[in-house]
């Protein structure tokens, strides 16, 4: 068995970086299910995690209700910003970035990779590279 170092590989990637291709969004824009349907937390779990005060004083509308298991739950009403709102993103619908370069895994640095202007150029390069690999294997077999 032959060991190939990471830099001996060529990586092809299609990227849509969060920093350039997405923006923060409201719960409504992101289609957040908690915003649409409301959400619940088990009160005992919030107490264990020392979050009960924070959750109940966050300015959100909720009510306490007993569940079928006898536990007490905090049921938050729909139509209000959820607690994960900072993670909501929506696409800016920018075109993907097509790149290819040496390395794999941590050895692959997208900043040093070749960028393609169009998807068809990337596909052609990928196909050509596959043909080179195929020819090399056929020569060995």
N, C-alpha and C. Protein backbone atom coordinates (compact mmCIF):
# COMPACT_ATOMS: atom_id res chain seq x y z
N UNK A 1 0.84 -1.19 0.00
CA UNK A 1 0.00 0.00 0.00
C UNK A 1 0.88 1.24 0.00
N UNK A 2 0.54 2.19 -0.84
CA UNK A 2 1.31 3.42 -0.97
C UNK A 2 0.64 4.54 -0.19
N UNK A 3 1.43 5.28 0.54
CA UNK A 3 0.91 6.44 1.27
C UNK A 3 1.13 7.69 0.43
N UNK A 4 0.05 8.43 0.20
CA UNK A 4 0.16 9.69 -0.53
C UNK A 4 -0.05 10.84 0.44
N UNK A 5 0.90 11.75 0.49
CA UNK A 5 0.73 12.90 1.38
C UNK A 5 -0.44 13.77 0.91
N UNK A 6 -0.99 14.54 1.84
CA UNK A 6 -2.16 15.36 1.53
C UNK A 6 -1.93 16.29 0.34
N UNK A 7 -0.72 16.83 0.20
CA UNK A 7 -0.48 17.77 -0.90
C UNK A 7 -0.45 17.08 -2.27
N UNK A 8 -0.44 15.75 -2.30
CA UNK A 8 -0.45 15.03 -3.57
C UNK A 8 -1.86 14.94 -4.16
N UNK A 9 -2.85 15.35 -3.42
CA UNK A 9 -4.24 15.30 -3.86
C UNK A 9 -4.65 16.62 -4.50
N UNK A 10 -5.68 16.56 -5.31
CA UNK A 10 -6.29 17.76 -5.87
C UNK A 10 -7.74 17.79 -5.43
N UNK A 11 -8.15 18.90 -4.88
CA UNK A 11 -9.51 19.04 -4.36
C UNK A 11 -10.31 19.99 -5.25
N UNK A 12 -11.51 19.58 -5.57
CA UNK A 12 -12.47 20.42 -6.30
C UNK A 12 -13.59 20.75 -5.34
N UNK A 13 -13.93 22.03 -5.24
CA UNK A 13 -14.97 22.47 -4.31
C UNK A 13 -15.88 23.50 -4.96
N UNK A 14 -17.14 23.44 -4.52
CA UNK A 14 -18.10 24.49 -4.85
C UNK A 14 -18.47 25.11 -3.51
N UNK A 15 -18.23 26.40 -3.38
CA UNK A 15 -18.41 27.05 -2.09
C UNK A 15 -19.45 28.17 -2.14
N UNK A 16 -20.15 28.32 -1.04
CA UNK A 16 -21.05 29.45 -0.79
C UNK A 16 -20.78 29.89 0.64
N UNK A 17 -19.70 30.64 0.87
CA UNK A 17 -19.33 31.00 2.24
C UNK A 17 -20.43 31.80 2.95
N UNK A 18 -20.62 31.49 4.21
CA UNK A 18 -21.63 32.18 5.00
C UNK A 18 -21.35 33.68 5.03
N UNK A 19 -20.08 34.06 5.13
CA UNK A 19 -19.72 35.47 5.26
C UNK A 19 -20.12 36.30 4.04
N UNK A 20 -20.09 35.71 2.86
CA UNK A 20 -20.33 36.47 1.63
C UNK A 20 -21.64 36.12 0.92
N UNK A 21 -22.22 34.97 1.24
CA UNK A 21 -23.38 34.51 0.49
C UNK A 21 -24.68 34.47 1.30
N UNK A 22 -24.59 34.82 2.59
CA UNK A 22 -25.77 34.79 3.45
C UNK A 22 -25.79 36.04 4.33
N UNK A 23 -26.95 36.36 4.84
CA UNK A 23 -27.09 37.46 5.79
C UNK A 23 -27.96 36.98 6.95
N UNK A 24 -27.85 37.70 8.07
CA UNK A 24 -28.72 37.41 9.21
C UNK A 24 -30.16 37.65 8.79
N UNK A 25 -31.07 36.89 9.39
CA UNK A 25 -32.48 37.02 9.03
C UNK A 25 -33.34 36.98 10.29
N UNK A 26 -34.52 37.53 10.17
CA UNK A 26 -35.48 37.42 11.26
C UNK A 26 -36.03 36.00 11.27
N UNK A 27 -36.70 35.66 12.36
CA UNK A 27 -37.33 34.33 12.44
C UNK A 27 -38.30 34.14 11.28
N UNK A 28 -39.08 35.16 10.99
CA UNK A 28 -40.09 35.07 9.94
C UNK A 28 -39.43 34.85 8.57
N UNK A 29 -38.38 35.62 8.27
CA UNK A 29 -37.68 35.47 6.99
C UNK A 29 -37.06 34.09 6.83
N UNK A 30 -36.56 33.55 7.94
CA UNK A 30 -35.86 32.26 7.90
C UNK A 30 -36.81 31.07 7.91
N UNK A 31 -38.12 31.32 8.05
CA UNK A 31 -39.07 30.22 8.10
C UNK A 31 -38.94 29.42 9.38
N UNK A 32 -38.60 30.08 10.46
CA UNK A 32 -38.36 29.45 11.76
C UNK A 32 -39.63 28.76 12.27
N UNK A 33 -39.54 27.47 12.55
CA UNK A 33 -40.69 26.71 13.03
C UNK A 33 -41.10 27.14 14.43
N UNK A 34 -40.15 27.55 15.27
CA UNK A 34 -40.49 28.03 16.61
C UNK A 34 -41.31 29.32 16.49
N UNK A 35 -40.94 30.18 15.56
CA UNK A 35 -41.70 31.41 15.34
C UNK A 35 -43.11 31.08 14.84
N UNK A 36 -43.18 30.14 13.95
CA UNK A 36 -44.46 29.77 13.33
C UNK A 36 -45.38 29.02 14.30
N UNK A 37 -44.83 28.07 15.05
CA UNK A 37 -45.65 27.17 15.87
C UNK A 37 -45.53 27.39 17.38
N UNK A 38 -44.57 28.20 17.81
CA UNK A 38 -44.27 28.30 19.22
C UNK A 38 -43.32 27.17 19.62
N UNK A 39 -42.93 27.15 20.88
CA UNK A 39 -42.01 26.11 21.34
C UNK A 39 -42.19 25.90 22.84
N UNK A 40 -41.63 24.80 23.33
CA UNK A 40 -41.78 24.49 24.75
C UNK A 40 -40.42 24.11 25.35
N UNK A 41 -40.30 24.37 26.65
CA UNK A 41 -39.16 23.92 27.43
C UNK A 41 -39.68 23.23 28.68
N UNK A 42 -39.01 22.19 29.09
CA UNK A 42 -39.35 21.53 30.35
C UNK A 42 -38.77 22.38 31.48
N UNK A 43 -39.60 22.77 32.41
CA UNK A 43 -39.19 23.67 33.49
C UNK A 43 -38.06 23.06 34.32
N UNK A 44 -38.16 21.79 34.65
CA UNK A 44 -37.12 21.13 35.46
C UNK A 44 -35.76 21.19 34.76
N UNK A 45 -35.76 21.04 33.43
CA UNK A 45 -34.51 21.10 32.67
C UNK A 45 -33.91 22.50 32.73
N UNK A 46 -34.75 23.51 32.63
CA UNK A 46 -34.27 24.90 32.73
C UNK A 46 -33.67 25.17 34.11
N UNK A 47 -34.28 24.62 35.13
CA UNK A 47 -33.76 24.78 36.50
C UNK A 47 -32.39 24.10 36.61
N UNK A 48 -32.28 22.87 36.09
CA UNK A 48 -31.00 22.14 36.12
C UNK A 48 -29.90 22.91 35.41
N UNK A 49 -30.26 23.56 34.31
CA UNK A 49 -29.27 24.29 33.50
C UNK A 49 -29.08 25.74 33.95
N UNK A 50 -29.73 26.12 35.05
CA UNK A 50 -29.66 27.50 35.56
C UNK A 50 -30.11 28.52 34.52
N UNK A 51 -31.13 28.18 33.76
CA UNK A 51 -31.63 29.07 32.71
C UNK A 51 -33.05 29.56 32.96
N UNK A 52 -33.68 29.11 34.02
CA UNK A 52 -35.08 29.46 34.25
C UNK A 52 -35.27 30.97 34.33
N UNK A 53 -34.45 31.66 35.09
CA UNK A 53 -34.60 33.11 35.24
C UNK A 53 -34.44 33.81 33.89
N UNK A 54 -33.41 33.44 33.16
CA UNK A 54 -33.13 34.07 31.86
C UNK A 54 -34.30 33.86 30.91
N UNK A 55 -34.78 32.64 30.82
CA UNK A 55 -35.85 32.31 29.89
C UNK A 55 -37.16 33.01 30.27
N UNK A 56 -37.46 33.04 31.57
CA UNK A 56 -38.73 33.64 31.99
C UNK A 56 -38.69 35.16 32.05
N UNK A 57 -37.50 35.76 31.95
CA UNK A 57 -37.38 37.22 31.97
C UNK A 57 -36.86 37.77 30.64
N UNK A 58 -37.08 37.04 29.58
CA UNK A 58 -36.59 37.45 28.25
C UNK A 58 -37.60 38.30 27.49
N UNK A 59 -38.73 38.59 28.11
CA UNK A 59 -39.73 39.42 27.46
C UNK A 59 -40.57 38.67 26.44
N UNK A 60 -40.63 37.37 26.55
CA UNK A 60 -41.41 36.55 25.62
C UNK A 60 -42.70 36.10 26.30
N UNK A 61 -43.73 35.95 25.49
CA UNK A 61 -45.03 35.50 26.01
C UNK A 61 -45.03 33.97 26.13
N UNK A 62 -45.37 33.49 27.32
CA UNK A 62 -45.42 32.05 27.56
C UNK A 62 -46.44 31.76 28.65
N UNK A 63 -46.76 30.49 28.79
CA UNK A 63 -47.62 30.05 29.90
C UNK A 63 -47.07 28.72 30.40
N UNK A 64 -47.30 28.48 31.68
CA UNK A 64 -46.91 27.18 32.24
C UNK A 64 -48.05 26.21 32.02
N UNK A 65 -47.70 24.97 31.65
CA UNK A 65 -48.73 23.95 31.49
C UNK A 65 -48.17 22.60 31.91
N UNK A 66 -49.06 21.75 32.38
CA UNK A 66 -48.65 20.41 32.79
C UNK A 66 -48.75 19.48 31.60
N UNK A 67 -47.69 18.70 31.39
CA UNK A 67 -47.66 17.75 30.29
C UNK A 67 -48.27 16.42 30.69
N UNK A 68 -48.46 15.52 29.74
CA UNK A 68 -49.03 14.20 30.02
C UNK A 68 -48.17 13.39 30.99
N UNK A 69 -46.89 13.74 31.09
CA UNK A 69 -45.98 13.03 31.99
C UNK A 69 -45.99 13.62 33.40
N UNK A 70 -46.85 14.64 33.63
CA UNK A 70 -46.93 15.28 34.94
C UNK A 70 -45.90 16.38 35.14
N UNK A 71 -44.99 16.54 34.20
CA UNK A 71 -43.97 17.59 34.28
C UNK A 71 -44.58 18.94 33.91
N UNK A 72 -43.96 20.00 34.38
CA UNK A 72 -44.39 21.36 34.05
C UNK A 72 -43.55 21.86 32.87
N UNK A 73 -44.21 22.44 31.88
CA UNK A 73 -43.55 22.97 30.70
C UNK A 73 -43.86 24.45 30.56
N UNK A 74 -42.93 25.18 29.96
CA UNK A 74 -43.18 26.56 29.57
C UNK A 74 -43.48 26.53 28.08
N UNK A 75 -44.70 26.93 27.72
CA UNK A 75 -45.13 26.93 26.31
C UNK A 75 -45.09 28.37 25.80
N UNK A 76 -44.21 28.62 24.83
CA UNK A 76 -44.06 29.95 24.26
C UNK A 76 -44.96 30.10 23.04
N UNK A 77 -45.61 31.25 22.97
CA UNK A 77 -46.58 31.51 21.90
C UNK A 77 -45.89 31.68 20.55
N UNK A 78 -46.58 31.31 19.47
CA UNK A 78 -46.05 31.56 18.13
C UNK A 78 -46.01 33.07 17.84
N UNK A 79 -45.26 33.43 16.80
CA UNK A 79 -45.23 34.81 16.34
C UNK A 79 -44.24 35.71 17.07
N UNK A 80 -43.33 35.11 17.83
CA UNK A 80 -42.31 35.92 18.51
C UNK A 80 -40.93 35.35 18.22
N UNK A 81 -39.95 36.22 18.31
CA UNK A 81 -38.57 35.84 18.02
C UNK A 81 -38.13 34.71 18.96
N UNK A 82 -37.54 33.66 18.40
CA UNK A 82 -37.09 32.52 19.20
C UNK A 82 -35.73 32.83 19.84
N UNK A 83 -35.24 31.89 20.65
CA UNK A 83 -33.96 32.10 21.32
C UNK A 83 -32.77 31.80 20.41
N UNK A 84 -32.98 31.16 19.28
CA UNK A 84 -31.90 30.86 18.35
C UNK A 84 -31.86 31.84 17.18
N UNK A 85 -32.47 32.99 17.32
CA UNK A 85 -32.60 33.93 16.20
C UNK A 85 -31.25 34.37 15.63
N UNK A 86 -30.21 34.37 16.44
CA UNK A 86 -28.89 34.81 15.93
C UNK A 86 -28.33 33.85 14.89
N UNK A 87 -28.81 32.63 14.87
CA UNK A 87 -28.31 31.63 13.92
C UNK A 87 -29.09 31.66 12.60
N UNK A 88 -30.19 32.41 12.54
CA UNK A 88 -30.99 32.44 11.31
C UNK A 88 -30.27 33.20 10.20
N UNK A 89 -30.24 32.59 9.03
CA UNK A 89 -29.61 33.19 7.86
C UNK A 89 -30.49 32.94 6.64
N UNK A 90 -30.38 33.83 5.67
CA UNK A 90 -31.01 33.61 4.37
C UNK A 90 -29.97 33.89 3.29
N UNK A 91 -30.14 33.22 2.18
CA UNK A 91 -29.20 33.34 1.07
C UNK A 91 -29.32 34.70 0.39
N UNK A 92 -28.19 35.23 -0.02
CA UNK A 92 -28.17 36.45 -0.83
C UNK A 92 -28.28 36.11 -2.32
N UNK A 93 -28.39 34.81 -2.60
CA UNK A 93 -28.54 34.29 -3.96
C UNK A 93 -27.41 34.75 -4.88
N UNK A 94 -26.21 34.73 -4.34
CA UNK A 94 -25.02 35.02 -5.13
C UNK A 94 -24.55 33.71 -5.78
N UNK A 95 -23.88 33.80 -6.90
CA UNK A 95 -23.39 32.57 -7.54
C UNK A 95 -22.33 31.89 -6.69
N UNK A 96 -22.30 30.56 -6.76
CA UNK A 96 -21.32 29.78 -6.02
C UNK A 96 -19.92 30.10 -6.52
N UNK A 97 -18.92 29.77 -5.70
CA UNK A 97 -17.52 29.94 -6.07
C UNK A 97 -16.98 28.56 -6.41
N UNK A 98 -16.43 28.41 -7.61
CA UNK A 98 -15.89 27.14 -8.09
C UNK A 98 -14.38 27.20 -8.02
N UNK A 99 -13.77 26.27 -7.26
CA UNK A 99 -12.33 26.28 -7.09
C UNK A 99 -11.74 24.88 -7.20
N UNK A 100 -10.45 24.82 -7.45
CA UNK A 100 -9.70 23.56 -7.48
C UNK A 100 -8.27 23.88 -7.08
N UNK A 101 -7.68 22.98 -6.28
CA UNK A 101 -6.31 23.21 -5.87
C UNK A 101 -5.69 21.99 -5.23
N UNK A 102 -4.42 22.10 -4.95
CA UNK A 102 -3.66 21.00 -4.35
C UNK A 102 -4.01 20.85 -2.88
N UNK A 103 -3.99 19.61 -2.41
CA UNK A 103 -4.20 19.31 -1.01
C UNK A 103 -5.56 18.71 -0.75
N UNK A 104 -5.69 18.14 0.44
CA UNK A 104 -6.97 17.62 0.90
C UNK A 104 -7.05 17.87 2.40
N UNK A 105 -8.25 17.88 2.91
CA UNK A 105 -8.42 18.12 4.34
C UNK A 105 -7.81 19.43 4.76
N UNK A 106 -7.05 19.41 5.83
CA UNK A 106 -6.43 20.64 6.34
C UNK A 106 -5.36 21.18 5.41
N UNK A 107 -4.80 20.31 4.58
CA UNK A 107 -3.75 20.75 3.66
C UNK A 107 -4.32 21.56 2.49
N UNK A 108 -5.64 21.52 2.30
CA UNK A 108 -6.26 22.28 1.21
C UNK A 108 -6.58 23.69 1.69
N UNK A 109 -6.04 24.66 1.00
CA UNK A 109 -6.28 26.07 1.34
C UNK A 109 -7.04 26.72 0.19
N UNK A 110 -8.33 27.00 0.36
CA UNK A 110 -9.13 27.60 -0.72
C UNK A 110 -8.57 28.93 -1.22
N UNK A 111 -7.85 29.65 -0.37
CA UNK A 111 -7.28 30.95 -0.79
C UNK A 111 -6.18 30.77 -1.83
N UNK A 112 -5.56 29.60 -1.86
CA UNK A 112 -4.48 29.35 -2.82
C UNK A 112 -4.97 28.57 -4.04
N UNK A 113 -6.24 28.23 -4.07
CA UNK A 113 -6.79 27.43 -5.16
C UNK A 113 -7.09 28.29 -6.39
N UNK A 114 -7.20 27.62 -7.51
CA UNK A 114 -7.61 28.30 -8.75
C UNK A 114 -9.11 28.51 -8.72
N UNK A 115 -9.53 29.68 -9.16
CA UNK A 115 -10.95 29.99 -9.21
C UNK A 115 -11.40 29.97 -10.67
N UNK A 116 -12.60 29.46 -10.88
CA UNK A 116 -13.16 29.38 -12.22
C UNK A 116 -14.26 30.44 -12.38
N UNK A 117 -14.32 31.04 -13.55
CA UNK A 117 -15.33 32.07 -13.82
C UNK A 117 -16.72 31.47 -13.98
N UNK A 118 -16.76 30.25 -14.51
CA UNK A 118 -18.07 29.63 -14.80
C UNK A 118 -18.05 28.17 -14.37
N UNK A 119 -19.24 27.65 -14.08
CA UNK A 119 -19.38 26.26 -13.65
C UNK A 119 -18.89 25.29 -14.72
N UNK A 120 -19.15 25.58 -15.99
CA UNK A 120 -18.74 24.64 -17.05
C UNK A 120 -17.22 24.52 -17.13
N UNK A 121 -16.48 25.58 -16.80
CA UNK A 121 -15.02 25.50 -16.78
C UNK A 121 -14.55 24.56 -15.66
N UNK A 122 -15.20 24.67 -14.51
CA UNK A 122 -14.88 23.81 -13.37
C UNK A 122 -15.16 22.35 -13.70
N UNK A 123 -16.32 22.09 -14.33
CA UNK A 123 -16.70 20.72 -14.72
C UNK A 123 -15.69 20.17 -15.71
N UNK A 124 -15.28 20.96 -16.68
CA UNK A 124 -14.30 20.51 -17.68
C UNK A 124 -12.97 20.17 -17.03
N UNK A 125 -12.51 21.01 -16.09
CA UNK A 125 -11.26 20.74 -15.38
C UNK A 125 -11.37 19.46 -14.56
N UNK A 126 -12.50 19.29 -13.90
CA UNK A 126 -12.73 18.09 -13.09
C UNK A 126 -12.72 16.84 -13.96
N UNK A 127 -13.39 16.91 -15.10
CA UNK A 127 -13.44 15.76 -16.02
C UNK A 127 -12.05 15.43 -16.56
N UNK A 128 -11.30 16.45 -16.92
CA UNK A 128 -9.94 16.25 -17.42
C UNK A 128 -9.07 15.60 -16.36
N UNK A 129 -9.20 16.04 -15.13
CA UNK A 129 -8.42 15.47 -14.03
C UNK A 129 -8.79 14.00 -13.81
N UNK A 130 -10.08 13.68 -13.90
CA UNK A 130 -10.51 12.28 -13.77
C UNK A 130 -9.91 11.42 -14.88
N UNK A 131 -9.86 11.96 -16.08
CA UNK A 131 -9.26 11.21 -17.20
C UNK A 131 -7.78 10.93 -16.95
N UNK A 132 -7.08 11.90 -16.38
CA UNK A 132 -5.67 11.71 -16.07
C UNK A 132 -5.50 10.60 -15.04
N UNK A 133 -6.35 10.61 -14.02
CA UNK A 133 -6.29 9.56 -12.98
C UNK A 133 -6.61 8.21 -13.59
N UNK A 134 -7.64 8.14 -14.44
CA UNK A 134 -8.04 6.89 -15.09
C UNK A 134 -6.89 6.34 -15.94
N UNK A 135 -6.26 7.22 -16.71
CA UNK A 135 -5.14 6.78 -17.57
C UNK A 135 -3.98 6.25 -16.72
N UNK A 136 -3.71 6.91 -15.61
CA UNK A 136 -2.63 6.46 -14.74
C UNK A 136 -2.92 5.07 -14.18
N UNK A 137 -4.16 4.82 -13.80
CA UNK A 137 -4.53 3.50 -13.27
C UNK A 137 -4.49 2.44 -14.36
N UNK A 138 -4.91 2.79 -15.55
CA UNK A 138 -4.89 1.82 -16.66
C UNK A 138 -3.47 1.43 -16.99
N UNK A 139 -2.52 2.37 -16.85
CA UNK A 139 -1.12 2.07 -17.10
C UNK A 139 -0.53 1.13 -16.05
N UNK A 140 -1.08 1.15 -14.85
CA UNK A 140 -0.59 0.31 -13.75
C UNK A 140 -1.17 -1.09 -13.85
N UNK A 141 -2.41 -1.20 -14.28
CA UNK A 141 -3.10 -2.50 -14.30
C UNK A 141 -2.70 -3.36 -15.44
